[in-house]
């Protein structure tokens, strides 16, 4: 590709929906009220998705309106890859991240 080095990074599997949603929510505003991810104002469809997507009573995203979930799903995969939520575990008295 024009002499520009690149590397494809493909996960072995997609994250679970709840993990993806938690990663996006934490990136937008974590428990310490720190914003780690901002969306450009011109991303109108993505902003509309995040404003209107809600969980159903069964614990799933309401995807009845197909025009409202595509952008946020795609962005959620990227955010969960770049800023995943990981569980902390204790091994031998030391706290570490479980992958």
PDB file of N, CA and C in Angstrom:
ATOM      1  N   UNK A   1       0.828  -1.191   0.000  1.00  0.00           N
ATOM      2  CA  UNK A   1       0.000   0.000   0.000  1.00  0.00           C
ATOM      3  C   UNK A   1       0.865   1.244   0.000  1.00  0.00           C
ATOM      4  N   UNK A   2       1.543   1.494  -1.073  1.00  0.00           N
ATOM      5  CA  UNK A   2       2.309   2.721  -1.210  1.00  0.00           C
ATOM      6  C   UNK A   2       3.479   2.813  -0.257  1.00  0.00           C
ATOM      7  N   UNK A   3       3.984   1.692   0.242  1.00  0.00           N
ATOM      8  CA  UNK A   3       5.115   1.704   1.142  1.00  0.00           C
ATOM      9  C   UNK A   3       4.776   2.078   2.577  1.00  0.00           C
ATOM     10  N   UNK A   4       3.518   2.225   2.892  1.00  0.00           N
ATOM     11  CA  UNK A   4       3.107   2.562   4.248  1.00  0.00           C
ATOM     12  C   UNK A   4       2.884   1.262   5.019  1.00  0.00           C
ATOM     13  N   UNK A   5       3.644   1.049   6.093  1.00  0.00           N
ATOM     14  CA  UNK A   5       3.463  -0.187   6.851  1.00  0.00           C
ATOM     15  C   UNK A   5       2.123  -0.176   7.594  1.00  0.00           C
ATOM     16  N   UNK A   6       1.488  -1.329   7.649  1.00  0.00           N
ATOM     17  CA  UNK A   6       0.240  -1.454   8.379  1.00  0.00           C
ATOM     18  C   UNK A   6       0.110  -2.869   8.920  1.00  0.00           C
ATOM     19  N   UNK A   7      -0.785  -3.030   9.874  1.00  0.00           N
ATOM     20  CA  UNK A   7      -1.019  -4.327  10.488  1.00  0.00           C
ATOM     21  C   UNK A   7      -2.511  -4.465  10.752  1.00  0.00           C
ATOM     22  N   UNK A   8      -3.087  -5.589  10.329  1.00  0.00           N
ATOM     23  CA  UNK A   8      -4.487  -5.853  10.611  1.00  0.00           C
ATOM     24  C   UNK A   8      -4.599  -6.485  11.986  1.00  0.00           C
ATOM     25  N   UNK A   9      -5.466  -5.928  12.817  1.00  0.00           N
ATOM     26  CA  UNK A   9      -5.698  -6.479  14.150  1.00  0.00           C
ATOM     27  C   UNK A   9      -7.153  -6.905  14.220  1.00  0.00           C
ATOM     28  N   UNK A  10      -7.388  -8.192  14.188  1.00  0.00           N
ATOM     29  CA  UNK A  10      -8.738  -8.739  14.163  1.00  0.00           C
ATOM     30  C   UNK A  10      -8.942  -9.594  15.411  1.00  0.00           C
ATOM     31  N   UNK A  11      -9.981  -9.298  16.195  1.00  0.00           N
ATOM     32  CA  UNK A  11     -10.222 -10.110  17.394  1.00  0.00           C
ATOM     33  C   UNK A  11     -10.682 -11.516  17.018  1.00  0.00           C
ATOM     34  N   UNK A  12     -10.469 -12.465  17.933  1.00  0.00           N
ATOM     35  CA  UNK A  12     -10.886 -13.850  17.699  1.00  0.00           C
ATOM     36  C   UNK A  12     -12.407 -13.976  17.663  1.00  0.00           C
ATOM     37  N   UNK A  13     -13.089 -13.135  18.417  1.00  0.00           N
ATOM     38  CA  UNK A  13     -14.548 -13.149  18.421  1.00  0.00           C
ATOM     39  C   UNK A  13     -15.055 -11.758  18.806  1.00  0.00           C
ATOM     40  N   UNK A  14     -16.305 -11.509  18.510  1.00  0.00           N
ATOM     41  CA  UNK A  14     -16.911 -10.229  18.881  1.00  0.00           C
ATOM     42  C   UNK A  14     -17.212 -10.212  20.374  1.00  0.00           C
ATOM     43  N   UNK A  15     -17.131  -9.019  20.990  1.00  0.00           N
ATOM     44  CA  UNK A  15     -17.477  -8.931  22.407  1.00  0.00           C
ATOM     45  C   UNK A  15     -18.989  -9.109  22.586  1.00  0.00           C
ATOM     46  N   UNK A  16     -19.393  -9.539  23.766  1.00  0.00           N
ATOM     47  CA  UNK A  16     -20.811  -9.640  24.077  1.00  0.00           C
ATOM     48  C   UNK A  16     -21.425  -8.243  24.043  1.00  0.00           C
ATOM     49  N   UNK A  17     -22.698  -8.168  23.766  1.00  0.00           N
ATOM     50  CA  UNK A  17     -23.379  -6.883  23.655  1.00  0.00           C
ATOM     51  C   UNK A  17     -23.223  -6.074  24.933  1.00  0.00           C
ATOM     52  N   UNK A  18     -23.413  -6.706  26.076  1.00  0.00           N
ATOM     53  CA  UNK A  18     -23.310  -5.965  27.342  1.00  0.00           C
ATOM     54  C   UNK A  18     -21.893  -5.449  27.566  1.00  0.00           C
ATOM     55  N   UNK A  19     -20.878  -6.213  27.176  1.00  0.00           N
ATOM     56  CA  UNK A  19     -19.496  -5.752  27.316  1.00  0.00           C
ATOM     57  C   UNK A  19     -19.240  -4.548  26.414  1.00  0.00           C
ATOM     58  N   UNK A  20     -19.788  -4.593  25.210  1.00  0.00           N
ATOM     59  CA  UNK A  20     -19.618  -3.487  24.267  1.00  0.00           C
ATOM     60  C   UNK A  20     -20.319  -2.235  24.783  1.00  0.00           C
ATOM     61  N   UNK A  21     -21.531  -2.380  25.287  1.00  0.00           N
ATOM     62  CA  UNK A  21     -22.276  -1.233  25.818  1.00  0.00           C
ATOM     63  C   UNK A  21     -21.566  -0.655  27.036  1.00  0.00           C
ATOM     64  N   UNK A  22     -21.087  -1.508  27.920  1.00  0.00           N
ATOM     65  CA  UNK A  22     -20.369  -1.034  29.110  1.00  0.00           C
ATOM     66  C   UNK A  22     -19.089  -0.300  28.733  1.00  0.00           C
ATOM     67  N   UNK A  23     -18.383  -0.788  27.724  1.00  0.00           N
ATOM     68  CA  UNK A  23     -17.148  -0.125  27.285  1.00  0.00           C
ATOM     69  C   UNK A  23     -17.452   1.276  26.758  1.00  0.00           C
ATOM     70  N   UNK A  24     -18.516   1.403  25.964  1.00  0.00           N
ATOM     71  CA  UNK A  24     -18.889   2.718  25.419  1.00  0.00           C
ATOM     72  C   UNK A  24     -19.344   3.647  26.541  1.00  0.00           C
ATOM     73  N   UNK A  25     -20.190   3.156  27.430  1.00  0.00           N
ATOM     74  CA  UNK A  25     -20.670   4.000  28.528  1.00  0.00           C
ATOM     75  C   UNK A  25     -19.519   4.490  29.396  1.00  0.00           C
ATOM     76  N   UNK A  26     -18.568   3.603  29.686  1.00  0.00           N
ATOM     77  CA  UNK A  26     -17.421   3.980  30.514  1.00  0.00           C
ATOM     78  C   UNK A  26     -16.513   4.968  29.780  1.00  0.00           C
ATOM     79  N   UNK A  27     -16.389   4.806  28.472  1.00  0.00           N
ATOM     80  CA  UNK A  27     -15.559   5.727  27.692  1.00  0.00           C
ATOM     81  C   UNK A  27     -16.193   7.113  27.636  1.00  0.00           C
ATOM     82  N   UNK A  28     -17.519   7.169  27.523  1.00  0.00           N
ATOM     83  CA  UNK A  28     -18.202   8.456  27.466  1.00  0.00           C
ATOM     84  C   UNK A  28     -18.162   9.181  28.809  1.00  0.00           C
ATOM     85  N   UNK A  29     -18.279   8.429  29.914  1.00  0.00           N
ATOM     86  CA  UNK A  29     -18.190   9.028  31.245  1.00  0.00           C
ATOM     87  C   UNK A  29     -17.998   7.907  32.257  1.00  0.00           C
ATOM     88  N   UNK A  30     -16.795   7.807  32.829  1.00  0.00           N
ATOM     89  CA  UNK A  30     -16.515   6.709  33.757  1.00  0.00           C
ATOM     90  C   UNK A  30     -17.029   7.028  35.161  1.00  0.00           C
ATOM     91  N   UNK A  31     -16.789   6.135  36.097  1.00  0.00           N
ATOM     92  CA  UNK A  31     -17.294   6.313  37.459  1.00  0.00           C
ATOM     93  C   UNK A  31     -16.738   7.547  38.147  1.00  0.00           C
ATOM     94  N   UNK A  32     -15.563   7.981  37.734  1.00  0.00           N
ATOM     95  CA  UNK A  32     -14.970   9.197  38.282  1.00  0.00           C
ATOM     96  C   UNK A  32     -15.391  10.442  37.524  1.00  0.00           C
ATOM     97  N   UNK A  33     -16.418  10.307  36.670  1.00  0.00           N
ATOM     98  CA  UNK A  33     -16.945  11.390  35.840  1.00  0.00           C
ATOM     99  C   UNK A  33     -15.911  11.946  34.870  1.00  0.00           C
ATOM    100  N   UNK A  34     -14.968  11.096  34.463  1.00  0.00           N
ATOM    101  CA  UNK A  34     -13.939  11.492  33.500  1.00  0.00           C
ATOM    102  C   UNK A  34     -14.397  11.067  32.109  1.00  0.00           C
ATOM    103  N   UNK A  35     -14.346  11.982  31.152  1.00  0.00           N
ATOM    104  CA  UNK A  35     -14.692  11.692  29.771  1.00  0.00           C
ATOM    105  C   UNK A  35     -13.427  11.263  29.042  1.00  0.00           C
ATOM    106  N   UNK A  36     -13.467  10.036  28.492  1.00  0.00           N
ATOM    107  CA  UNK A  36     -12.303   9.529  27.763  1.00  0.00           C
ATOM    108  C   UNK A  36     -12.556   9.421  26.266  1.00  0.00           C
ATOM    109  N   UNK A  37     -13.773   9.723  25.841  1.00  0.00           N
ATOM    110  CA  UNK A  37     -14.154   9.571  24.449  1.00  0.00           C
ATOM    111  C   UNK A  37     -15.180  10.638  24.098  1.00  0.00           C
ATOM    112  N   UNK A  38     -14.893  11.408  23.078  1.00  0.00           N
ATOM    113  CA  UNK A  38     -15.816  12.446  22.628  1.00  0.00           C
ATOM    114  C   UNK A  38     -16.189  12.176  21.176  1.00  0.00           C
ATOM    115  N   UNK A  39     -17.420  12.481  20.834  1.00  0.00           N
ATOM    116  CA  UNK A  39     -17.917  12.284  19.481  1.00  0.00           C
ATOM    117  C   UNK A  39     -17.999  13.646  18.803  1.00  0.00           C
ATOM    118  N   UNK A  40     -17.466  13.732  17.582  1.00  0.00           N
ATOM    119  CA  UNK A  40     -17.479  14.990  16.842  1.00  0.00           C
ATOM    120  C   UNK A  40     -18.921  15.386  16.532  1.00  0.00           C
ATOM    121  N   UNK A  41     -19.252  16.666  16.666  1.00  0.00           N
ATOM    122  CA  UNK A  41     -20.630  17.122  16.430  1.00  0.00           C
ATOM    123  C   UNK A  41     -21.164  16.812  15.034  1.00  0.00           C
ATOM    124  N   UNK A  42     -20.292  16.606  14.057  1.00  0.00           N
ATOM    125  CA  UNK A  42     -20.769  16.274  12.705  1.00  0.00           C
ATOM    126  C   UNK A  42     -21.209  14.815  12.575  1.00  0.00           C
ATOM    127  N   UNK A  43     -20.945  13.999  13.567  1.00  0.00           N
ATOM    128  CA  UNK A  43     -21.374  12.588  13.536  1.00  0.00           C
ATOM    129  C   UNK A  43     -22.825  12.511  13.972  1.00  0.00           C
ATOM    130  N   UNK A  44     -23.697  13.079  13.168  1.00  0.00           N
ATOM    131  CA  UNK A  44     -25.102  13.237  13.520  1.00  0.00           C
ATOM    132  C   UNK A  44     -25.800  11.894  13.741  1.00  0.00           C
ATOM    133  N   UNK A  45     -25.575  10.931  12.847  1.00  0.00           N
ATOM    134  CA  UNK A  45     -26.256   9.633  12.980  1.00  0.00           C
ATOM    135  C   UNK A  45     -25.791   8.905  14.241  1.00  0.00           C
ATOM    136  N   UNK A  46     -24.483   8.946  14.515  1.00  0.00           N
ATOM    137  CA  UNK A  46     -23.953   8.281  15.704  1.00  0.00           C
ATOM    138  C   UNK A  46     -24.515   8.915  16.978  1.00  0.00           C
ATOM    139  N   UNK A  47     -24.557  10.224  17.025  1.00  0.00           N
ATOM    140  CA  UNK A  47     -25.102  10.924  18.192  1.00  0.00           C
ATOM    141  C   UNK A  47     -26.576  10.570  18.377  1.00  0.00           C
ATOM    142  N   UNK A  48     -27.327  10.551  17.279  1.00  0.00           N
ATOM    143  CA  UNK A  48     -28.751  10.192  17.365  1.00  0.00           C
ATOM    144  C   UNK A  48     -28.911   8.763  17.869  1.00  0.00           C
ATOM    145  N   UNK A  49     -28.055   7.859  17.404  1.00  0.00           N
ATOM    146  CA  UNK A  49     -28.097   6.475  17.886  1.00  0.00           C
ATOM    147  C   UNK A  49     -27.901   6.419  19.391  1.00  0.00           C
ATOM    148  N   UNK A  50     -26.842   7.037  19.865  1.00  0.00           N
ATOM    149  CA  UNK A  50     -26.547   6.971  21.298  1.00  0.00           C
ATOM    150  C   UNK A  50     -27.620   7.653  22.139  1.00  0.00           C
ATOM    151  N   UNK A  51     -28.273   8.661  21.601  1.00  0.00           N
ATOM    152  CA  UNK A  51     -29.328   9.336  22.350  1.00  0.00           C
ATOM    153  C   UNK A  51     -30.612   8.514  22.430  1.00  0.00           C
ATOM    154  N   UNK A  52     -30.868   7.684  21.418  1.00  0.00           N
ATOM    155  CA  UNK A  52     -32.155   6.991  21.365  1.00  0.00           C
ATOM    156  C   UNK A  52     -32.105   5.505  21.682  1.00  0.00           C
ATOM    157  N   UNK A  53     -30.946   4.869  21.631  1.00  0.00           N
ATOM    158  CA  UNK A  53     -30.873   3.430  21.895  1.00  0.00           C
ATOM    159  C   UNK A  53     -31.110   3.173  23.381  1.00  0.00           C
ATOM    160  N   UNK A  54     -31.956   2.203  23.676  1.00  0.00           N
ATOM    161  CA  UNK A  54     -32.291   1.868  25.062  1.00  0.00           C
ATOM    162  C   UNK A  54     -32.349   0.358  25.209  1.00  0.00           C
ATOM    163  N   UNK A  55     -32.235  -0.108  26.450  1.00  0.00           N
ATOM    164  CA  UNK A  55     -32.376  -1.526  26.756  1.00  0.00           C
ATOM    165  C   UNK A  55     -33.853  -1.870  26.854  1.00  0.00           C
ATOM    166  N   UNK A  56     -34.198  -3.079  26.435  1.00  0.00           N
ATOM    167  CA  UNK A  56     -35.567  -3.566  26.605  1.00  0.00           C
ATOM    168  C   UNK A  56     -35.686  -4.204  27.983  1.00  0.00           C
ATOM    169  N   UNK A  57     -36.864  -4.640  28.342  1.00  0.00           N
ATOM    170  CA  UNK A  57     -37.067  -5.299  29.643  1.00  0.00           C
ATOM    171  C   UNK A  57     -36.343  -6.633  29.721  1.00  0.00           C
ATOM    172  N   UNK A  58     -36.052  -7.235  28.572  1.00  0.00           N
ATOM    173  CA  UNK A  58     -35.351  -8.523  28.560  1.00  0.00           C
ATOM    174  C   UNK A  58     -33.841  -8.358  28.620  1.00  0.00           C
ATOM    175  N   UNK A  59     -33.351  -7.116  28.693  1.00  0.00           N
ATOM    176  CA  UNK A  59     -31.918  -6.884  28.809  1.00  0.00           C
ATOM    177  C   UNK A  59     -31.189  -6.855  27.487  1.00  0.00           C
ATOM    178  N   UNK A  60     -31.895  -6.504  26.421  1.00  0.00           N
ATOM    179  CA  UNK A  60     -31.276  -6.394  25.104  1.00  0.00           C
ATOM    180  C   UNK A  60     -31.524  -5.001  24.557  1.00  0.00           C
ATOM    181  N   UNK A  61     -30.734  -4.624  23.562  1.00  0.00           N
ATOM    182  CA  UNK A  61     -30.929  -3.330  22.927  1.00  0.00           C
ATOM    183  C   UNK A  61     -32.190  -3.371  22.063  1.00  0.00           C
ATOM    184  N   UNK A  62     -32.956  -2.293  22.092  1.00  0.00           N
ATOM    185  CA  UNK A  62     -34.171  -2.194  21.285  1.00  0.00           C
ATOM    186  C   UNK A  62     -33.765  -1.826  19.860  1.00  0.00           C
ATOM    187  N   UNK A  63     -33.848  -2.794  18.948  1.00  0.00           N
ATOM    188  CA  UNK A  63     -33.411  -2.574  17.566  1.00  0.00           C
ATOM    189  C   UNK A  63     -34.583  -2.641  16.582  1.00  0.00           C
ATOM    190  N   UNK A  64     -35.749  -2.240  17.015  1.00  0.00           N
ATOM    191  CA  UNK A  64     -36.896  -2.253  16.106  1.00  0.00           C
ATOM    192  C   UNK A  64     -36.689  -1.281  14.948  1.00  0.00           C
ATOM    193  N   UNK A  65     -36.074  -0.144  15.208  1.00  0.00           N
ATOM    194  CA  UNK A  65     -35.779   0.825  14.152  1.00  0.00           C
ATOM    195  C   UNK A  65     -34.379   0.533  13.632  1.00  0.00           C
ATOM    196  N   UNK A  66     -34.279  -0.138  12.497  1.00  0.00           N
ATOM    197  CA  UNK A  66     -32.989  -0.567  11.938  1.00  0.00           C
ATOM    198  C   UNK A  66     -32.063   0.603  11.599  1.00  0.00           C
ATOM    199  N   UNK A  67     -32.625   1.775  11.348  1.00  0.00           N
ATOM    200  CA  UNK A  67     -31.801   2.937  11.037  1.00  0.00           C
ATOM    201  C   UNK A  67     -31.105   3.494  12.268  1.00  0.00           C
ATOM    202  N   UNK A  68     -31.530   3.072  13.448  1.00  0.00           N
ATOM    203  CA  UNK A  68     -31.016   3.646  14.682  1.00  0.00           C
ATOM    204  C   UNK A  68     -29.963   2.813  15.387  1.00  0.00           C
ATOM    205  N   UNK A  69     -29.564   1.700  14.870  1.00  0.00           N
ATOM    206  CA  UNK A  69     -28.610   0.906  15.644  1.00  0.00           C
ATOM    207  C   UNK A  69     -27.300   0.623  14.918  1.00  0.00           C
ATOM    208  N   UNK A  70     -27.247   0.846  13.631  1.00  0.00           N
ATOM    209  CA  UNK A  70     -26.064   0.444  12.875  1.00  0.00           C
ATOM    210  C   UNK A  70     -24.813   1.244  13.265  1.00  0.00           C
ATOM    211  N   UNK A  71     -24.928   2.557  13.326  1.00  0.00           N
ATOM    212  CA  UNK A  71     -23.766   3.397  13.629  1.00  0.00           C
ATOM    213  C   UNK A  71     -23.234   3.136  15.040  1.00  0.00           C
ATOM    214  N   UNK A  72     -24.137   3.031  16.006  1.00  0.00           N
ATOM    215  CA  UNK A  72     -23.684   2.810  17.382  1.00  0.00           C
ATOM    216  C   UNK A  72     -23.111   1.407  17.564  1.00  0.00           C
ATOM    217  N   UNK A  73     -23.642   0.413  16.858  1.00  0.00           N
ATOM    218  CA  UNK A  73     -23.054  -0.936  16.908  1.00  0.00           C
ATOM    219  C   UNK A  73     -21.624  -0.909  16.380  1.00  0.00           C
ATOM    220  N   UNK A  74     -21.444  -0.303  15.214  1.00  0.00           N
ATOM    221  CA  UNK A  74     -20.112  -0.246  14.601  1.00  0.00           C
ATOM    222  C   UNK A  74     -19.122   0.489  15.498  1.00  0.00           C
ATOM    223  N   UNK A  75     -19.541   1.614  16.041  1.00  0.00           N
ATOM    224  CA  UNK A  75     -18.660   2.385  16.918  1.00  0.00           C
ATOM    225  C   UNK A  75     -18.372   1.619  18.205  1.00  0.00           C
ATOM    226  N   UNK A  76     -19.365   0.887  18.699  1.00  0.00           N
ATOM    227  CA  UNK A  76     -19.184   0.108  19.918  1.00  0.00           C
ATOM    228  C   UNK A  76     -18.112  -0.965  19.781  1.00  0.00           C
ATOM    229  N   UNK A  77     -18.031  -1.611  18.617  1.00  0.00           N
ATOM    230  CA  UNK A  77     -16.972  -2.597  18.384  1.00  0.00           C
ATOM    231  C   UNK A  77     -15.597  -1.940  18.470  1.00  0.00           C
ATOM    232  N   UNK A  78     -15.468  -0.754  17.874  1.00  0.00           N
ATOM    233  CA  UNK A  78     -14.183  -0.037  17.899  1.00  0.00           C
ATOM    234  C   UNK A  78     -13.821   0.390  19.313  1.00  0.00           C
ATOM    235  N   UNK A  79     -14.778   0.969  20.018  1.00  0.00           N
ATOM    236  CA  UNK A  79     -14.507   1.436  21.386  1.00  0.00           C
ATOM    237  C   UNK A  79     -14.149   0.262  22.290  1.00  0.00           C
ATOM    238  N   UNK A  80     -14.862  -0.850  22.165  1.00  0.00           N
ATOM    239  CA  UNK A  80     -14.555  -1.992  23.025  1.00  0.00           C
ATOM    240  C   UNK A  80     -13.207  -2.618  22.685  1.00  0.00           C
ATOM    241  N   UNK A  81     -12.704  -2.411  21.473  1.00  0.00           N
ATOM    242  CA  UNK A  81     -11.372  -2.895  21.105  1.00  0.00           C
ATOM    243  C   UNK A  81     -10.292  -1.975  21.686  1.00  0.00           C
ATOM    244  N   UNK A  82     -10.529  -0.671  21.575  1.00  0.00           N
ATOM    245  CA  UNK A  82      -9.533   0.313  22.018  1.00  0.00           C
ATOM    246  C   UNK A  82      -9.561   0.514  23.537  1.00  0.00           C
ATOM    247  N   UNK A  83     -10.757   0.527  24.137  1.00  0.00           N
ATOM    248  CA  UNK A  83     -10.914   0.778  25.567  1.00  0.00           C
ATOM    249  C   UNK A  83     -11.810  -0.284  26.200  1.00  0.00           C
ATOM    250  N   UNK A  84     -11.369  -1.538  26.236  1.00  0.00           N
ATOM    251  CA  UNK A  84     -12.241  -2.594  26.768  1.00  0.00           C
ATOM    252  C   UNK A  84     -12.417  -2.504  28.285  1.00  0.00           C
ATOM    253  N   UNK A  85     -13.499  -3.081  28.760  1.00  0.00           N
ATOM    254  CA  UNK A  85     -13.717  -3.230  30.193  1.00  0.00           C
ATOM    255  C   UNK A  85     -13.124  -4.580  30.569  1.00  0.00           C
ATOM    256  N   UNK A  86     -12.246  -4.587  31.537  1.00  0.00           N
ATOM    257  CA  UNK A  86     -11.604  -5.834  31.952  1.00  0.00           C
ATOM    258  C   UNK A  86     -11.846  -6.063  33.421  1.00  0.00           C
ATOM    259  N   UNK A  87     -11.909  -7.325  33.807  1.00  0.00           N
ATOM    260  CA  UNK A  87     -12.100  -7.687  35.206  1.00  0.00           C
ATOM    261  C   UNK A  87     -10.757  -7.678  35.929  1.00  0.00           C
ATOM    262  N   UNK A  88     -10.768  -7.186  37.164  1.00  0.00           N
ATOM    263  CA  UNK A  88      -9.575  -7.237  38.001  1.00  0.00           C
ATOM    264  C   UNK A  88      -9.593  -8.544  38.782  1.00  0.00           C
ATOM    265  N   UNK A  89      -8.432  -9.119  38.955  1.00  0.00           N
ATOM    266  CA  UNK A  89      -8.328 -10.345  39.751  1.00  0.00           C
ATOM    267  C   UNK A  89      -7.123 -10.239  40.670  1.00  0.00           C
ATOM    268  N   UNK A  90      -7.156 -10.987  41.745  1.00  0.00           N
ATOM    269  CA  UNK A  90      -6.057 -11.008  42.697  1.00  0.00           C
ATOM    270  C   UNK A  90      -5.330 -12.342  42.584  1.00  0.00           C
ATOM    271  N   UNK A  91      -4.019 -12.256  42.360  1.00  0.00           N
ATOM    272  CA  UNK A  91      -3.187 -13.454  42.272  1.00  0.00           C
ATOM    273  C   UNK A  91      -1.988 -13.248  43.189  1.00  0.00           C
ATOM    274  N   UNK A  92      -1.861 -14.089  44.177  1.00  0.00           N
ATOM    275  CA  UNK A  92      -0.737 -13.982  45.098  1.00  0.00           C
ATOM    276  C   UNK A  92      -0.638 -12.626  45.781  1.00  0.00           C
ATOM    277  N   UNK A  93      -1.767 -12.033  46.115  1.00  0.00           N
ATOM    278  CA  UNK A  93      -1.762 -10.764  46.810  1.00  0.00           C
ATOM    279  C   UNK A  93      -1.603  -9.552  45.907  1.00  0.00           C
ATOM    280  N   UNK A  94      -1.426  -9.762  44.590  1.00  0.00           N
ATOM    281  CA  UNK A  94      -1.280  -8.666  43.639  1.00  0.00           C
ATOM    282  C   UNK A  94      -2.530  -8.575  42.777  1.00  0.00           C
ATOM    283  N   UNK A  95      -2.940  -7.349  42.490  1.00  0.00           N
ATOM    284  CA  UNK A  95      -4.122  -7.132  41.657  1.00  0.00           C
ATOM    285  C   UNK A  95      -3.662  -6.993  40.214  1.00  0.00           C
ATOM    286  N   UNK A  96      -4.346  -7.691  39.313  1.00  0.00           N
ATOM    287  CA  UNK A  96      -4.009  -7.628  37.900  1.00  0.00           C
ATOM    288  C   UNK A  96      -5.264  -7.650  37.046  1.00  0.00           C
ATOM    289  N   UNK A  97      -5.071  -7.508  35.748  1.00  0.00           N
ATOM    290  CA  UNK A  97      -6.166  -7.489  34.796  1.00  0.00           C
ATOM    291  C   UNK A  97      -6.326  -8.876  34.202  1.00  0.00           C
ATOM    292  N   UNK A  98      -7.587  -9.336  34.146  1.00  0.00           N
ATOM    293  CA  UNK A  98      -7.875 -10.624  33.562  1.00  0.00           C
ATOM    294  C   UNK A  98      -8.332 -10.410  32.127  1.00  0.00           C
ATOM    295  N   UNK A  99      -7.660 -11.016  31.162  1.00  0.00           N
ATOM    296  CA  UNK A  99      -8.055 -10.879  29.741  1.00  0.00           C
ATOM    297  C   UNK A  99      -9.068 -11.884  29.348  1.00  0.00           C
TER     298      UNK A  99
END
